[in-house]
Amino acid sequence: MTLPMDDEHAALFTVGQVADMLGVRQAFLRRIDDHDVVSPHRSAGGQRRYSRNEIGRIQEVVTLMDEGMTLPAIRRIIALQHEIAALTRERDTLAHRLAEQTRTP
């Protein structure tokens, strides 16, 4: 049996909880959502809910901002990271298929 806490993509944490965990202001979390840098899930009542995965991404955003990056630049970096991950998965799939074909007589 899998619990919601075991799922890194389960949206369990409120804005206040995440702000306290990361030592940031709630307004900062709303701002990065408004800039589409991190897009938390919404509860039935419209409140933002964050997963552990999104909290990790927010930590990355904080680090990049501390290094002088702007929110648009960070959004682009994250988009490029997603593209690289997708291309890497595609490459690995193709390499696996090619290896299977070369093994088959």
N, C-alpha and C. Protein backbone atom coordinates (compact mmCIF):
# COMPACT_ATOMS: atom_id res chain seq x y z
N MET A 1 0.84 -1.19 0.00
CA MET A 1 0.00 0.00 0.00
C MET A 1 0.88 1.25 0.00
N THR A 2 0.64 2.13 -0.93
CA THR A 2 1.42 3.36 -1.04
C THR A 2 0.66 4.50 -0.36
N LEU A 3 1.34 5.23 0.47
CA LEU A 3 0.76 6.38 1.15
C LEU A 3 1.05 7.65 0.36
N PRO A 4 0.19 8.67 0.47
CA PRO A 4 0.46 9.92 -0.24
C PRO A 4 1.83 10.52 0.09
N MET A 5 2.29 10.32 1.32
CA MET A 5 3.60 10.87 1.71
C MET A 5 4.74 10.18 0.96
N ASP A 6 4.49 8.97 0.45
CA ASP A 6 5.51 8.24 -0.29
C ASP A 6 5.65 8.73 -1.72
N ASP A 7 4.64 9.43 -2.21
CA ASP A 7 4.62 9.91 -3.59
C ASP A 7 5.21 11.31 -3.65
N GLU A 8 6.35 11.45 -4.32
CA GLU A 8 7.01 12.77 -4.36
C GLU A 8 6.21 13.78 -5.17
N HIS A 9 5.20 13.33 -5.92
CA HIS A 9 4.37 14.24 -6.73
C HIS A 9 3.02 14.53 -6.09
N ALA A 10 2.77 13.98 -4.90
CA ALA A 10 1.51 14.24 -4.20
C ALA A 10 1.53 15.65 -3.63
N ALA A 11 0.52 16.44 -3.96
CA ALA A 11 0.45 17.83 -3.52
C ALA A 11 -0.12 17.89 -2.11
N LEU A 12 0.76 17.95 -1.14
CA LEU A 12 0.36 17.85 0.26
C LEU A 12 0.61 19.10 1.09
N PHE A 13 1.48 19.98 0.64
CA PHE A 13 1.95 21.07 1.49
C PHE A 13 1.35 22.41 1.08
N THR A 14 0.95 23.19 2.06
CA THR A 14 0.37 24.51 1.82
C THR A 14 1.47 25.55 1.60
N VAL A 15 1.05 26.72 1.15
CA VAL A 15 1.99 27.83 0.94
C VAL A 15 2.72 28.15 2.25
N GLY A 16 1.98 28.22 3.34
CA GLY A 16 2.58 28.53 4.63
C GLY A 16 3.59 27.49 5.08
N GLN A 17 3.26 26.23 4.89
CA GLN A 17 4.18 25.17 5.27
C GLN A 17 5.46 25.22 4.45
N VAL A 18 5.33 25.42 3.16
CA VAL A 18 6.51 25.48 2.28
C VAL A 18 7.35 26.71 2.61
N ALA A 19 6.71 27.83 2.83
CA ALA A 19 7.44 29.05 3.20
C ALA A 19 8.24 28.83 4.48
N ASP A 20 7.63 28.19 5.47
CA ASP A 20 8.33 27.91 6.73
C ASP A 20 9.48 26.93 6.52
N MET A 21 9.24 25.89 5.71
CA MET A 21 10.28 24.88 5.46
C MET A 21 11.51 25.49 4.81
N LEU A 22 11.29 26.38 3.84
CA LEU A 22 12.39 26.90 3.03
C LEU A 22 12.89 28.27 3.49
N GLY A 23 12.22 28.85 4.46
CA GLY A 23 12.65 30.16 4.95
C GLY A 23 12.44 31.26 3.92
N VAL A 24 11.34 31.17 3.17
CA VAL A 24 11.00 32.20 2.18
C VAL A 24 9.64 32.78 2.54
N ARG A 25 9.31 33.87 1.91
CA ARG A 25 8.00 34.49 2.15
C ARG A 25 6.93 33.86 1.27
N GLN A 26 5.72 33.85 1.78
CA GLN A 26 4.61 33.33 1.01
C GLN A 26 4.43 34.12 -0.29
N ALA A 27 4.69 35.42 -0.24
CA ALA A 27 4.57 36.26 -1.44
C ALA A 27 5.55 35.80 -2.51
N PHE A 28 6.73 35.34 -2.10
CA PHE A 28 7.71 34.83 -3.05
C PHE A 28 7.15 33.60 -3.77
N LEU A 29 6.52 32.71 -3.02
CA LEU A 29 5.94 31.50 -3.62
C LEU A 29 4.83 31.87 -4.60
N ARG A 30 4.01 32.84 -4.24
CA ARG A 30 2.96 33.27 -5.16
C ARG A 30 3.56 33.91 -6.41
N ARG A 31 4.64 34.66 -6.24
CA ARG A 31 5.28 35.33 -7.38
C ARG A 31 5.88 34.33 -8.36
N ILE A 32 6.54 33.29 -7.86
CA ILE A 32 7.12 32.32 -8.80
C ILE A 32 6.03 31.50 -9.47
N ASP A 33 4.88 31.37 -8.83
CA ASP A 33 3.73 30.74 -9.47
C ASP A 33 3.18 31.66 -10.56
N ASP A 34 3.03 32.95 -10.24
CA ASP A 34 2.53 33.92 -11.23
C ASP A 34 3.42 34.00 -12.46
N HIS A 35 4.72 33.78 -12.27
CA HIS A 35 5.68 33.82 -13.39
C HIS A 35 5.86 32.45 -14.05
N ASP A 36 5.04 31.48 -13.66
CA ASP A 36 5.09 30.13 -14.22
C ASP A 36 6.45 29.45 -14.07
N VAL A 37 7.14 29.78 -12.99
CA VAL A 37 8.41 29.12 -12.72
C VAL A 37 8.15 27.79 -12.02
N VAL A 38 7.23 27.80 -11.07
CA VAL A 38 6.75 26.61 -10.39
C VAL A 38 5.23 26.71 -10.38
N SER A 39 4.57 25.64 -10.76
CA SER A 39 3.10 25.65 -10.83
C SER A 39 2.53 24.60 -9.88
N PRO A 40 2.20 25.02 -8.65
CA PRO A 40 1.66 24.06 -7.70
C PRO A 40 0.24 23.64 -8.11
N HIS A 41 -0.18 22.53 -7.54
CA HIS A 41 -1.55 22.08 -7.75
C HIS A 41 -2.48 22.99 -6.97
N ARG A 42 -3.75 22.92 -7.27
CA ARG A 42 -4.74 23.71 -6.53
C ARG A 42 -5.71 22.76 -5.84
N SER A 43 -6.06 23.10 -4.61
CA SER A 43 -7.06 22.32 -3.89
C SER A 43 -8.43 22.65 -4.47
N ALA A 44 -9.45 21.94 -4.02
CA ALA A 44 -10.81 22.20 -4.48
C ALA A 44 -11.21 23.65 -4.19
N GLY A 45 -10.66 24.22 -3.13
CA GLY A 45 -10.95 25.60 -2.77
C GLY A 45 -10.04 26.61 -3.45
N GLY A 46 -9.14 26.14 -4.33
CA GLY A 46 -8.26 27.05 -5.07
C GLY A 46 -6.95 27.37 -4.38
N GLN A 47 -6.68 26.76 -3.23
CA GLN A 47 -5.43 27.03 -2.53
C GLN A 47 -4.28 26.25 -3.16
N ARG A 48 -3.12 26.87 -3.17
CA ARG A 48 -1.93 26.21 -3.71
C ARG A 48 -1.51 25.05 -2.80
N ARG A 49 -1.13 23.94 -3.44
CA ARG A 49 -0.61 22.77 -2.73
C ARG A 49 0.63 22.30 -3.45
N TYR A 50 1.70 22.09 -2.69
CA TYR A 50 2.99 21.74 -3.25
C TYR A 50 3.37 20.29 -2.94
N SER A 51 4.04 19.67 -3.88
CA SER A 51 4.57 18.32 -3.69
C SER A 51 6.04 18.43 -3.27
N ARG A 52 6.60 17.31 -2.83
CA ARG A 52 8.04 17.30 -2.50
C ARG A 52 8.86 17.64 -3.73
N ASN A 53 8.43 17.17 -4.89
CA ASN A 53 9.13 17.47 -6.14
C ASN A 53 9.15 18.97 -6.39
N GLU A 54 8.02 19.64 -6.22
CA GLU A 54 7.95 21.09 -6.44
C GLU A 54 8.76 21.85 -5.39
N ILE A 55 8.79 21.34 -4.17
CA ILE A 55 9.60 21.98 -3.13
C ILE A 55 11.07 21.93 -3.52
N GLY A 56 11.51 20.81 -4.08
CA GLY A 56 12.89 20.72 -4.57
C GLY A 56 13.17 21.72 -5.66
N ARG A 57 12.19 21.91 -6.55
CA ARG A 57 12.36 22.88 -7.64
C ARG A 57 12.43 24.30 -7.07
N ILE A 58 11.62 24.58 -6.03
CA ILE A 58 11.67 25.90 -5.40
C ILE A 58 13.04 26.14 -4.78
N GLN A 59 13.61 25.11 -4.17
CA GLN A 59 14.96 25.25 -3.61
C GLN A 59 15.95 25.62 -4.71
N GLU A 60 15.79 25.00 -5.87
CA GLU A 60 16.66 25.32 -7.00
C GLU A 60 16.46 26.77 -7.44
N VAL A 61 15.20 27.22 -7.46
CA VAL A 61 14.90 28.61 -7.84
C VAL A 61 15.57 29.57 -6.87
N VAL A 62 15.47 29.29 -5.59
CA VAL A 62 16.09 30.15 -4.56
C VAL A 62 17.60 30.22 -4.80
N THR A 63 18.23 29.09 -5.06
CA THR A 63 19.67 29.06 -5.31
C THR A 63 20.03 29.90 -6.53
N LEU A 64 19.27 29.73 -7.62
CA LEU A 64 19.56 30.48 -8.84
C LEU A 64 19.33 31.98 -8.64
N MET A 65 18.31 32.34 -7.88
CA MET A 65 18.08 33.77 -7.59
C MET A 65 19.21 34.34 -6.75
N ASP A 66 19.72 33.54 -5.80
CA ASP A 66 20.85 33.98 -4.99
C ASP A 66 22.09 34.20 -5.85
N GLU A 67 22.17 33.50 -7.00
CA GLU A 67 23.29 33.66 -7.92
C GLU A 67 23.05 34.81 -8.91
N GLY A 68 21.92 35.51 -8.78
CA GLY A 68 21.66 36.68 -9.60
C GLY A 68 20.77 36.46 -10.81
N MET A 69 20.19 35.28 -10.93
CA MET A 69 19.31 34.99 -12.07
C MET A 69 17.95 35.65 -11.88
N THR A 70 17.34 36.04 -12.99
CA THR A 70 15.99 36.60 -12.96
C THR A 70 14.97 35.47 -13.10
N LEU A 71 13.71 35.75 -12.76
CA LEU A 71 12.68 34.73 -12.89
C LEU A 71 12.48 34.27 -14.33
N PRO A 72 12.48 35.16 -15.33
CA PRO A 72 12.37 34.67 -16.71
C PRO A 72 13.55 33.76 -17.10
N ALA A 73 14.74 34.10 -16.65
CA ALA A 73 15.91 33.26 -16.95
C ALA A 73 15.78 31.90 -16.26
N ILE A 74 15.30 31.89 -15.03
CA ILE A 74 15.12 30.64 -14.30
C ILE A 74 14.06 29.79 -14.97
N ARG A 75 12.97 30.42 -15.40
CA ARG A 75 11.92 29.68 -16.10
C ARG A 75 12.49 29.01 -17.34
N ARG A 76 13.34 29.71 -18.08
CA ARG A 76 13.96 29.16 -19.29
C ARG A 76 14.92 28.02 -18.94
N ILE A 77 15.70 28.18 -17.90
CA ILE A 77 16.62 27.12 -17.46
C ILE A 77 15.85 25.86 -17.13
N ILE A 78 14.75 26.01 -16.39
CA ILE A 78 13.95 24.84 -16.01
C ILE A 78 13.34 24.19 -17.25
N ALA A 79 12.85 25.00 -18.19
CA ALA A 79 12.30 24.45 -19.43
C ALA A 79 13.36 23.67 -20.20
N LEU A 80 14.57 24.21 -20.27
CA LEU A 80 15.65 23.52 -20.97
C LEU A 80 16.05 22.23 -20.25
N GLN A 81 16.02 22.24 -18.92
CA GLN A 81 16.31 21.02 -18.17
C GLN A 81 15.29 19.94 -18.49
N HIS A 82 14.02 20.33 -18.62
CA HIS A 82 12.97 19.36 -18.97
C HIS A 82 13.19 18.82 -20.38
N GLU A 83 13.57 19.69 -21.31
CA GLU A 83 13.84 19.25 -22.68
C GLU A 83 15.02 18.28 -22.72
N ILE A 84 16.06 18.59 -21.98
CA ILE A 84 17.24 17.71 -21.94
C ILE A 84 16.85 16.35 -21.37
N ALA A 85 16.05 16.34 -20.31
CA ALA A 85 15.62 15.08 -19.71
C ALA A 85 14.80 14.26 -20.71
N ALA A 86 13.90 14.91 -21.44
CA ALA A 86 13.08 14.20 -22.44
C ALA A 86 13.96 13.65 -23.55
N LEU A 87 14.90 14.44 -24.02
CA LEU A 87 15.81 13.98 -25.08
C LEU A 87 16.69 12.83 -24.59
N THR A 88 17.11 12.89 -23.37
CA THR A 88 17.94 11.82 -22.80
C THR A 88 17.14 10.52 -22.72
N ARG A 89 15.87 10.62 -22.28
CA ARG A 89 15.02 9.42 -22.24
C ARG A 89 14.82 8.86 -23.65
N GLU A 90 14.58 9.74 -24.62
CA GLU A 90 14.39 9.29 -26.00
C GLU A 90 15.66 8.63 -26.54
N ARG A 91 16.80 9.22 -26.28
CA ARG A 91 18.07 8.63 -26.71
C ARG A 91 18.28 7.26 -26.10
N ASP A 92 18.00 7.14 -24.81
CA ASP A 92 18.17 5.86 -24.12
C ASP A 92 17.23 4.79 -24.68
N THR A 93 16.01 5.18 -24.97
CA THR A 93 15.04 4.25 -25.56
C THR A 93 15.51 3.78 -26.93
N LEU A 94 15.96 4.72 -27.75
CA LEU A 94 16.44 4.37 -29.09
C LEU A 94 17.70 3.50 -29.01
N ALA A 95 18.59 3.81 -28.11
CA ALA A 95 19.81 3.00 -27.95
C ALA A 95 19.45 1.59 -27.51
N HIS A 96 18.48 1.46 -26.64
CA HIS A 96 18.04 0.13 -26.19
C HIS A 96 17.43 -0.64 -27.35
N ARG A 97 16.58 0.01 -28.13
CA ARG A 97 15.96 -0.66 -29.29
C ARG A 97 17.01 -1.07 -30.31
N LEU A 98 17.98 -0.21 -30.55
CA LEU A 98 19.06 -0.53 -31.50
C LEU A 98 19.87 -1.72 -31.01
N ALA A 99 20.17 -1.73 -29.72
CA ALA A 99 20.93 -2.85 -29.15
C ALA A 99 20.16 -4.15 -29.28
N GLU A 100 18.86 -4.11 -29.09
CA GLU A 100 18.04 -5.31 -29.24
C GLU A 100 18.04 -5.80 -30.70
N GLN A 101 17.98 -4.87 -31.63
CA GLN A 101 17.95 -5.25 -33.05
C GLN A 101 19.29 -5.83 -33.51
N THR A 102 20.37 -5.33 -32.99
CA THR A 102 21.68 -5.83 -33.41
C THR A 102 21.96 -7.19 -32.79
N ARG A 103 21.31 -7.52 -31.67
CA ARG A 103 21.48 -8.83 -31.04
C ARG A 103 20.69 -9.91 -31.75
N THR A 104 19.59 -9.53 -32.36
CA THR A 104 18.70 -10.50 -33.01
C THR A 104 19.26 -10.88 -34.37
N PRO A 105 19.41 -12.20 -34.64
CA PRO A 105 19.97 -12.62 -35.95
C PRO A 105 19.02 -12.41 -37.09
